[in-house]
């Protein structure tokens, strides 16, 4: 049986290499579905480690296979995402992004490096565990329709058929050396809302000659606010409490102090954790737009771009992983996490196979590493890479132990 000490020792062995990988990826970020050089670099690491893989999945995606003994017994999937964000980095580290306006501000560089580290460890120990580890390096986690959904369509969960899946995400709310888990519902579905209100423009001093789309859009938003935004926990059709967020972050009417525009455009987001309720809210939003627009005799359009589903962690698998993490990291270094209304495209996989998506602590207050994800000063305590690769390898061998 593989011991935790063996995993820790191998994590130490590969630590410097994984740090170098992470720093290279951080310095050379690429946007969603454009991860061509990132993919080549990861392929190079797999080739040097002697880990077989296939490429060209949704163009830049990679699927690697590590076979243990009795490789057909079961297959466990590990997921890493590769894309960066359109943010101009403000850090001054020597590995600062050299691609202007692009930054690994969500930690996907750390995800890919950590999973590679786990792969190196698992490959070294493949004669000591049973089954197959399938490793998925996916493009485009940050933008719809999400690289995970496209790789599922491409067959990532088949040949060999995946029975369970694991993934991690950096978490600057936890100190480095810690990890967090949440069983059951964990992250929300996400839909993008695009509202266009078409009025009739004109001179502001002549109200009889125009229909102001700003007023109509405002009334629509206030009505939506009254029905959905005053509470983030609403009652669904079955009477249960369902976490719900409807929020608008952009409104644009290209008029002036004395110019009423013809059109106002509004953009927002809708998040929840129940598919029936999700569909019901879609219809209610359409009805609000239709009824208020009819009242003013104008045409409006609400386009709902359906995004990721809610993410659910399998209760049994998460319980097992939580206990294994306590054994590996120590009881005081593993926390239960609250539900989040953020979204993640690994949710597509959690809807297909029993999965566990957990958080890796990356903060270090003493070093001043506290910035949140999606900010220009985000960074990680790189000691978290050693924690992450070791923990992911440990969780994997616990699922595939002989």
Protein backbone atom coordinates (compact mmCIF):
# COMPACT_ATOMS: atom_id res chain seq x y z
CA UNK A 1 0.00 0.00 0.00
CA UNK A 2 1.25 3.49 -0.88
CA UNK A 3 1.90 5.61 2.19
CA UNK A 4 1.28 9.31 2.64
CA UNK A 5 4.97 9.69 3.38
CA UNK A 6 5.82 8.23 -0.04
CA UNK A 7 3.57 10.79 -1.72
CA UNK A 8 5.06 13.62 0.34
CA UNK A 9 8.57 12.51 -0.61
CA UNK A 10 7.72 12.46 -4.32
CA UNK A 11 6.00 15.84 -4.02
CA UNK A 12 9.24 17.22 -2.64
CA UNK A 13 11.19 15.54 -5.44
CA UNK A 14 9.10 17.22 -8.15
CA UNK A 15 8.49 20.53 -6.36
CA UNK A 16 11.15 22.63 -8.10
CA UNK A 17 10.18 21.27 -11.50
CA UNK A 18 6.51 22.03 -10.92
CA UNK A 19 7.36 25.56 -9.75
CA UNK A 20 9.31 26.08 -12.98
CA UNK A 21 6.35 24.79 -14.99
CA UNK A 22 3.93 27.09 -13.20
CA UNK A 23 6.18 30.12 -13.65
CA UNK A 24 6.63 29.42 -17.36
CA UNK A 25 2.86 29.09 -17.83
CA UNK A 26 2.25 32.24 -15.79
CA UNK A 27 4.74 34.18 -17.89
CA UNK A 28 3.19 32.99 -21.17
CA UNK A 29 -0.62 33.11 -20.68
CA UNK A 30 -3.06 32.60 -23.53
CA UNK A 31 -6.75 33.40 -23.76
CA UNK A 32 -9.56 30.86 -23.93
CA UNK A 33 -9.45 28.52 -26.94
CA UNK A 34 -6.13 30.07 -28.04
CA UNK A 35 -3.89 28.00 -25.75
CA UNK A 36 -1.70 26.72 -28.59
CA UNK A 37 1.73 27.31 -27.06
CA UNK A 38 0.46 26.31 -23.61
CA UNK A 39 -0.72 23.01 -25.06
CA UNK A 40 2.64 22.41 -26.77
CA UNK A 41 4.47 23.11 -23.51
CA UNK A 42 2.30 20.68 -21.53
CA UNK A 43 2.74 18.05 -24.23
CA UNK A 44 6.49 18.46 -23.89
CA UNK A 45 6.30 17.83 -20.14
CA UNK A 46 4.22 14.69 -20.67
CA UNK A 47 6.58 13.41 -23.37
CA UNK A 48 9.64 13.91 -21.14
CA UNK A 49 7.88 12.04 -18.33
CA UNK A 50 6.99 9.14 -20.63
CA UNK A 51 3.24 9.65 -20.17
CA UNK A 52 1.24 8.83 -23.33
CA UNK A 53 -1.35 11.32 -24.55
CA UNK A 54 -3.51 12.39 -27.47
CA UNK A 55 -3.97 15.95 -28.70
CA UNK A 56 -6.27 18.01 -30.88
CA UNK A 57 -9.27 17.68 -28.58
CA UNK A 58 -11.19 20.92 -29.18
CA UNK A 59 -7.94 22.00 -30.89
CA UNK A 60 -5.72 22.61 -27.86
CA UNK A 61 -7.04 20.02 -25.39
CA UNK A 62 -4.94 17.06 -24.25
CA UNK A 63 -5.91 13.68 -22.83
CA UNK A 64 -3.16 11.72 -21.06
CA UNK A 65 -3.43 8.16 -19.76
CA UNK A 66 -1.48 6.55 -16.93
CA UNK A 67 -2.22 2.86 -16.59
CA UNK A 68 -1.72 1.03 -13.34
CA UNK A 69 -2.03 -2.71 -12.81
CA UNK A 70 -5.33 -4.23 -14.00
CA UNK A 71 -5.82 -1.03 -16.00
CA UNK A 72 -9.34 -1.89 -17.16
CA UNK A 73 -10.68 -2.24 -13.62
CA UNK A 74 -11.73 1.43 -13.26
CA UNK A 75 -10.84 4.87 -14.59
CA UNK A 76 -10.50 8.09 -12.63
CA UNK A 77 -10.40 11.47 -14.39
CA UNK A 78 -8.26 14.41 -13.26
CA UNK A 79 -9.08 17.81 -14.79
CA UNK A 80 -6.82 20.82 -15.36
CA UNK A 81 -7.78 24.01 -17.22
CA UNK A 82 -5.25 25.98 -19.25
CA UNK A 83 -6.69 29.37 -20.26
CA UNK A 84 -5.95 32.84 -18.90
CA UNK A 85 -7.95 36.06 -18.59
CA UNK A 86 -7.90 39.42 -20.45
CA UNK A 87 -6.29 41.29 -17.53
CA UNK A 88 -3.14 43.40 -17.52
CA UNK A 89 -0.93 42.06 -14.71
CA UNK A 90 0.32 44.52 -12.07
CA UNK A 91 2.66 42.16 -10.21
CA UNK A 92 6.42 42.62 -10.52
CA UNK A 93 7.55 39.01 -10.14
CA UNK A 94 10.21 37.72 -12.54
CA UNK A 95 7.53 35.42 -13.99
CA UNK A 96 5.11 38.30 -14.67
CA UNK A 97 3.07 37.90 -17.85
CA UNK A 98 4.94 38.89 -20.97
CA UNK A 99 1.72 38.89 -23.02
CA UNK A 100 0.28 42.38 -22.67
CA UNK A 101 -3.32 42.37 -21.48
CA UNK A 102 -3.37 38.64 -20.71
CA UNK A 103 -2.82 37.13 -17.26
CA UNK A 104 -3.28 33.90 -15.34
CA UNK A 105 -5.43 35.72 -12.81
CA UNK A 106 -7.58 32.69 -12.01
CA UNK A 107 -4.75 30.28 -11.29
CA UNK A 108 -5.10 27.95 -14.24
CA UNK A 109 -1.32 27.98 -14.55
CA UNK A 110 -1.21 26.53 -11.03
CA UNK A 111 -3.93 24.00 -11.90
CA UNK A 112 -2.03 22.68 -14.92
CA UNK A 113 1.29 22.60 -13.05
CA UNK A 114 -0.26 20.87 -10.02
CA UNK A 115 -1.95 18.21 -12.11
CA UNK A 116 1.28 17.62 -14.02
CA UNK A 117 3.03 17.16 -10.68
CA UNK A 118 0.39 14.66 -9.61
CA UNK A 119 0.84 12.89 -12.95
CA UNK A 120 4.60 12.57 -12.39
CA UNK A 121 3.97 11.04 -8.95
CA UNK A 122 1.27 8.65 -10.16
CA UNK A 123 3.42 7.57 -13.09
CA UNK A 124 6.27 6.71 -10.72
CA UNK A 125 3.89 4.59 -8.62
CA UNK A 126 1.80 3.00 -11.37
CA UNK A 127 2.83 -0.54 -10.42
CA UNK A 128 1.32 0.04 -6.96
CA UNK A 129 -2.26 1.05 -7.81
CA UNK A 130 -5.01 -0.44 -9.97
CA UNK A 131 -6.93 1.03 -12.88
CA UNK A 132 -6.32 3.99 -15.18
CA UNK A 133 -5.86 7.68 -14.52
CA UNK A 134 -7.14 9.83 -17.37
CA UNK A 135 -5.87 13.40 -17.27
CA UNK A 136 -7.76 16.12 -19.09
CA UNK A 137 -6.05 19.41 -19.94
CA UNK A 138 -8.91 21.51 -21.22
CA UNK A 139 -9.17 24.82 -23.07
CA UNK A 140 -11.64 27.61 -22.48
CA UNK A 141 -12.91 27.27 -18.93
CA UNK A 142 -13.48 31.02 -18.68
CA UNK A 143 -15.89 31.54 -21.57
CA UNK A 144 -19.06 29.92 -22.85
CA UNK A 145 -19.75 27.24 -23.89
CA UNK A 146 -16.83 26.03 -21.73
CA UNK A 147 -14.10 23.69 -22.90
CA UNK A 148 -15.29 20.99 -20.53
CA UNK A 149 -18.63 20.67 -22.30
CA UNK A 150 -16.88 20.49 -25.68
CA UNK A 151 -14.41 17.86 -24.51
CA UNK A 152 -17.30 15.77 -23.19
CA UNK A 153 -18.83 15.92 -26.67
CA UNK A 154 -15.40 14.96 -28.01
CA UNK A 155 -15.51 11.80 -25.87
CA UNK A 156 -13.28 12.57 -22.89
CA UNK A 157 -15.50 10.49 -20.58
CA UNK A 158 -15.30 7.42 -22.85
CA UNK A 159 -12.64 4.98 -24.07
CA UNK A 160 -11.87 4.17 -21.32
CA UNK A 161 -15.12 5.07 -19.60
CA UNK A 162 -14.65 7.42 -16.64
CA UNK A 163 -16.24 6.30 -13.39
CA UNK A 164 -15.24 9.20 -11.12
CA UNK A 165 -13.58 12.61 -11.50
CA UNK A 166 -11.48 14.99 -9.40
CA UNK A 167 -10.51 18.63 -9.88
CA UNK A 168 -9.09 21.44 -7.78
CA UNK A 169 -9.11 25.22 -7.85
CA UNK A 170 -6.83 27.76 -6.20
CA UNK A 171 -8.45 29.52 -3.25
CA UNK A 172 -6.91 32.75 -1.91
CA UNK A 173 -9.35 32.70 1.03
CA UNK A 174 -7.40 29.77 2.51
CA UNK A 175 -3.79 29.79 3.66
CA UNK A 176 -1.30 27.72 1.71
CA UNK A 177 -1.07 24.20 3.12
CA UNK A 178 -4.83 23.90 3.54
CA UNK A 179 -7.68 22.53 1.44
CA UNK A 180 -11.46 22.94 1.49
CA UNK A 181 -14.35 20.66 0.52
CA UNK A 182 -18.12 21.00 0.16
CA UNK A 183 -20.40 18.00 -0.29
CA UNK A 184 -23.48 18.22 -2.52
CA UNK A 185 -24.47 21.49 -4.18
CA UNK A 186 -21.43 23.74 -4.25
CA UNK A 187 -21.45 26.18 -7.18
CA UNK A 188 -24.23 27.78 -9.21
CA UNK A 189 -25.38 27.53 -12.80
CA UNK A 190 -24.66 30.69 -14.75
CA UNK A 191 -26.62 32.35 -17.53
CA UNK A 192 -25.82 35.63 -19.28
CA UNK A 193 -28.66 38.13 -19.73
CA UNK A 194 -28.74 40.56 -22.67
CA UNK A 195 -31.68 42.99 -22.72
CA UNK A 196 -32.35 45.38 -25.60
CA UNK A 197 -35.10 47.98 -25.21
CA UNK A 198 -36.13 49.78 -28.40
CA UNK A 199 -37.90 53.07 -27.80
CA UNK A 200 -38.15 56.15 -29.99
CA UNK A 201 -35.47 58.75 -29.63
CA UNK A 202 -35.73 62.49 -29.88
CA UNK A 203 -35.01 65.86 -28.32
CA UNK A 204 -35.26 65.67 -24.54
CA UNK A 205 -37.22 68.92 -24.42
CA UNK A 206 -40.02 67.44 -26.55
CA UNK A 207 -41.39 64.46 -24.53
CA UNK A 208 -44.48 64.11 -26.71
CA UNK A 209 -42.28 63.05 -29.60
CA UNK A 210 -40.21 60.30 -28.00
CA UNK A 211 -40.57 57.12 -25.95
CA UNK A 212 -37.63 56.98 -23.57
CA UNK A 213 -36.06 53.49 -23.53
CA UNK A 214 -34.05 54.44 -20.42
CA UNK A 215 -37.24 54.74 -18.39
CA UNK A 216 -38.59 51.46 -19.75
CA UNK A 217 -35.33 49.62 -19.08
CA UNK A 218 -35.28 51.07 -15.56
CA UNK A 219 -38.80 49.86 -14.88
CA UNK A 220 -37.89 46.38 -16.14
CA UNK A 221 -34.86 46.27 -13.86
CA UNK A 222 -36.86 47.48 -10.86
CA UNK A 223 -39.49 44.81 -11.46
CA UNK A 224 -36.86 42.11 -11.75
CA UNK A 225 -35.28 43.48 -8.59
CA UNK A 226 -38.59 43.25 -6.77
CA UNK A 227 -39.10 39.63 -7.78
CA UNK A 228 -35.59 38.18 -7.68
CA UNK A 229 -32.87 40.44 -6.39
CA UNK A 230 -34.01 41.35 -2.89
CA UNK A 231 -33.21 37.85 -1.67
CA UNK A 232 -30.68 35.33 -2.89
CA UNK A 233 -32.71 32.44 -1.48
CA UNK A 234 -36.11 32.10 -3.11
CA UNK A 235 -38.83 29.48 -3.08
CA UNK A 236 -38.99 27.31 -6.15
CA UNK A 237 -42.09 25.67 -7.59
CA UNK A 238 -41.84 22.83 -5.06
CA UNK A 239 -41.62 25.26 -2.16
CA UNK A 240 -37.98 24.59 -1.35
CA UNK A 241 -35.45 27.33 -0.74
CA UNK A 242 -33.24 27.74 -3.80
CA UNK A 243 -30.19 30.06 -3.83
CA UNK A 244 -30.79 32.60 -6.58
CA UNK A 245 -28.95 35.67 -7.86
CA UNK A 246 -30.08 37.99 -10.64
CA UNK A 247 -27.72 40.93 -11.10
CA UNK A 248 -27.11 43.52 -13.81
CA UNK A 249 -23.72 45.11 -14.27
CA UNK A 250 -23.99 47.14 -17.46
CA UNK A 251 -26.50 49.58 -18.95
CA UNK A 252 -25.82 51.64 -22.05
CA UNK A 253 -27.97 54.24 -23.75
CA UNK A 254 -26.01 56.36 -26.18
CA UNK A 255 -27.84 59.61 -25.69
CA UNK A 256 -26.82 62.91 -24.12
CA UNK A 257 -28.15 65.53 -21.68
CA UNK A 258 -30.74 66.58 -24.23
CA UNK A 259 -30.77 63.54 -26.52
CA UNK A 260 -33.02 60.54 -25.92
CA UNK A 261 -31.56 57.41 -27.57
CA UNK A 262 -33.53 54.93 -29.63
CA UNK A 263 -32.05 51.90 -27.88
CA UNK A 264 -30.84 50.93 -24.43
CA UNK A 265 -28.81 47.77 -23.85
CA UNK A 266 -28.45 46.06 -20.49
CA UNK A 267 -26.28 43.08 -19.49
CA UNK A 268 -26.45 40.87 -16.42
CA UNK A 269 -26.18 37.41 -14.94
CA UNK A 270 -28.55 34.84 -13.45
CA UNK A 271 -27.33 32.11 -11.13
CA UNK A 272 -29.11 29.35 -9.26
CA UNK A 273 -28.91 25.70 -8.22
CA UNK A 274 -31.99 23.95 -9.58
CA UNK A 275 -32.64 23.23 -13.26
CA UNK A 276 -36.45 23.36 -13.04
CA UNK A 277 -36.30 26.66 -11.18
CA UNK A 278 -33.71 27.90 -13.68
CA UNK A 279 -36.12 27.31 -16.54
CA UNK A 280 -38.99 28.86 -14.58
CA UNK A 281 -37.00 32.03 -13.91
CA UNK A 282 -36.09 32.25 -17.60
CA UNK A 283 -39.80 32.35 -18.44
CA UNK A 284 -40.57 34.88 -15.69
CA UNK A 285 -37.84 37.19 -16.94
CA UNK A 286 -39.21 37.00 -20.47
CA UNK A 287 -42.71 37.76 -19.15
CA UNK A 288 -41.53 40.83 -17.23
CA UNK A 289 -39.83 42.23 -20.33
CA UNK A 290 -42.83 41.49 -22.53
CA UNK A 291 -45.43 42.97 -20.17
CA UNK A 292 -43.59 46.23 -19.46
CA UNK A 293 -42.65 46.70 -23.10
CA UNK A 294 -46.28 46.17 -24.14
CA UNK A 295 -47.37 48.78 -21.60
CA UNK A 296 -45.24 51.38 -23.40
CA UNK A 297 -45.95 50.07 -26.89
CA UNK A 298 -42.35 49.26 -27.71
CA UNK A 299 -40.38 46.22 -28.74
CA UNK A 300 -37.79 44.72 -26.42
CA UNK A 301 -35.74 41.57 -26.57
CA UNK A 302 -34.26 39.51 -23.77
CA UNK A 303 -31.60 37.08 -24.92
CA UNK A 304 -30.56 34.50 -22.35
CA UNK A 305 -27.22 32.84 -23.10
CA UNK A 306 -27.45 29.56 -21.25
CA UNK A 307 -24.20 28.81 -19.47
CA UNK A 308 -22.73 26.22 -17.15
CA UNK A 309 -24.97 23.99 -15.01
CA UNK A 310 -24.70 23.92 -11.23
CA UNK A 311 -21.76 22.01 -9.77
CA UNK A 312 -22.59 19.17 -7.40
CA UNK A 313 -20.02 17.18 -5.46
CA UNK A 314 -20.91 13.53 -5.00
CA UNK A 315 -21.60 13.00 -1.30
CA UNK A 316 -19.90 9.61 -0.94
CA UNK A 317 -16.80 10.55 -2.96
CA UNK A 318 -16.44 13.91 -1.22
CA UNK A 319 -16.73 12.28 2.20
CA UNK A 320 -13.96 9.86 1.27
CA UNK A 321 -11.78 12.63 -0.13
CA UNK A 322 -12.34 14.81 2.93
CA UNK A 323 -11.17 12.03 5.24
CA UNK A 324 -8.20 11.24 3.01
CA UNK A 325 -7.23 14.92 2.92
CA UNK A 326 -7.32 15.06 6.71
CA UNK A 327 -5.02 12.07 6.83
CA UNK A 328 -2.60 13.65 4.35
CA UNK A 329 -2.66 17.28 5.50
CA UNK A 330 -3.77 16.99 9.11
CA UNK A 331 -7.23 17.55 10.57
CA UNK A 332 -6.67 21.27 11.18
CA UNK A 333 -5.70 21.87 7.55
CA UNK A 334 -8.93 20.63 5.95
CA UNK A 335 -12.06 22.77 6.08
CA UNK A 336 -15.71 22.47 5.14
CA UNK A 337 -16.64 25.23 2.72
CA UNK A 338 -19.89 27.17 2.30
CA UNK A 339 -21.95 27.18 -0.87
CA UNK A 340 -20.82 29.65 -3.58
CA UNK A 341 -22.74 31.48 -6.29
CA UNK A 342 -19.73 31.54 -8.59
CA UNK A 343 -19.65 29.11 -11.52
CA UNK A 344 -17.24 26.57 -12.99
CA UNK A 345 -17.42 24.51 -16.17
CA UNK A 346 -16.20 21.36 -14.37
CA UNK A 347 -19.89 21.33 -13.43
CA UNK A 348 -20.59 19.62 -16.76
CA UNK A 349 -18.51 16.66 -15.60
CA UNK A 350 -20.13 16.58 -12.15
CA UNK A 351 -23.47 16.20 -13.93
CA UNK A 352 -22.19 13.10 -15.74
CA UNK A 353 -20.07 11.14 -13.23
CA UNK A 354 -19.57 11.19 -9.43
CA UNK A 355 -17.07 13.99 -8.84
CA UNK A 356 -15.23 15.96 -6.20
CA UNK A 357 -14.15 19.55 -6.88
CA UNK A 358 -12.13 20.98 -4.01
CA UNK A 359 -10.23 24.14 -3.13
CA UNK A 360 -6.49 24.48 -2.64
CA UNK A 361 -5.36 27.18 -0.23
CA UNK A 362 -2.88 29.56 -1.91
CA UNK A 363 -2.71 32.60 0.39
CA UNK A 364 0.24 33.68 2.50
CA UNK A 365 -0.50 36.78 4.56
CA UNK A 366 3.09 37.10 5.78
CA UNK A 367 4.27 37.35 2.16
CA UNK A 368 1.41 39.67 1.22
CA UNK A 369 -0.17 37.09 -1.08
CA UNK A 370 -3.85 37.80 -0.47
CA UNK A 371 -5.34 39.20 -3.69
CA UNK A 372 -8.45 37.53 -5.03
CA UNK A 373 -8.80 35.73 -8.34
CA UNK A 374 -9.63 37.79 -11.43
CA UNK A 375 -7.60 40.72 -10.10
CA UNK A 376 -4.44 42.24 -11.60
CA UNK A 377 -2.40 41.46 -8.47
CA UNK A 378 -3.44 37.83 -7.98
CA UNK A 379 -0.61 35.43 -7.17
CA UNK A 380 -0.10 32.27 -5.16
CA UNK A 381 2.23 31.02 -2.47
CA UNK A 382 4.05 28.46 -4.59
CA UNK A 383 4.37 26.08 -1.63
CA UNK A 384 0.72 25.36 -2.42
CA UNK A 385 1.90 23.54 -5.55
CA UNK A 386 3.61 20.92 -3.42
CA UNK A 387 0.50 20.58 -1.26
CA UNK A 388 -1.76 20.38 -4.31
CA UNK A 389 0.15 17.81 -6.34
CA UNK A 390 0.64 15.60 -3.30
CA UNK A 391 -2.97 15.84 -2.20
CA UNK A 392 -4.30 15.14 -5.70
CA UNK A 393 -2.00 12.11 -6.04
CA UNK A 394 -3.01 10.91 -2.56
CA UNK A 395 -6.75 11.23 -3.30
CA UNK A 396 -6.20 9.36 -6.56
CA UNK A 397 -4.33 6.41 -5.11
CA UNK A 398 -6.91 6.15 -2.36
CA UNK A 399 -9.57 5.67 -5.03
CA UNK A 400 -7.42 3.26 -7.04
CA UNK A 401 -5.65 1.35 -4.27
CA UNK A 402 -5.27 -2.40 -4.62
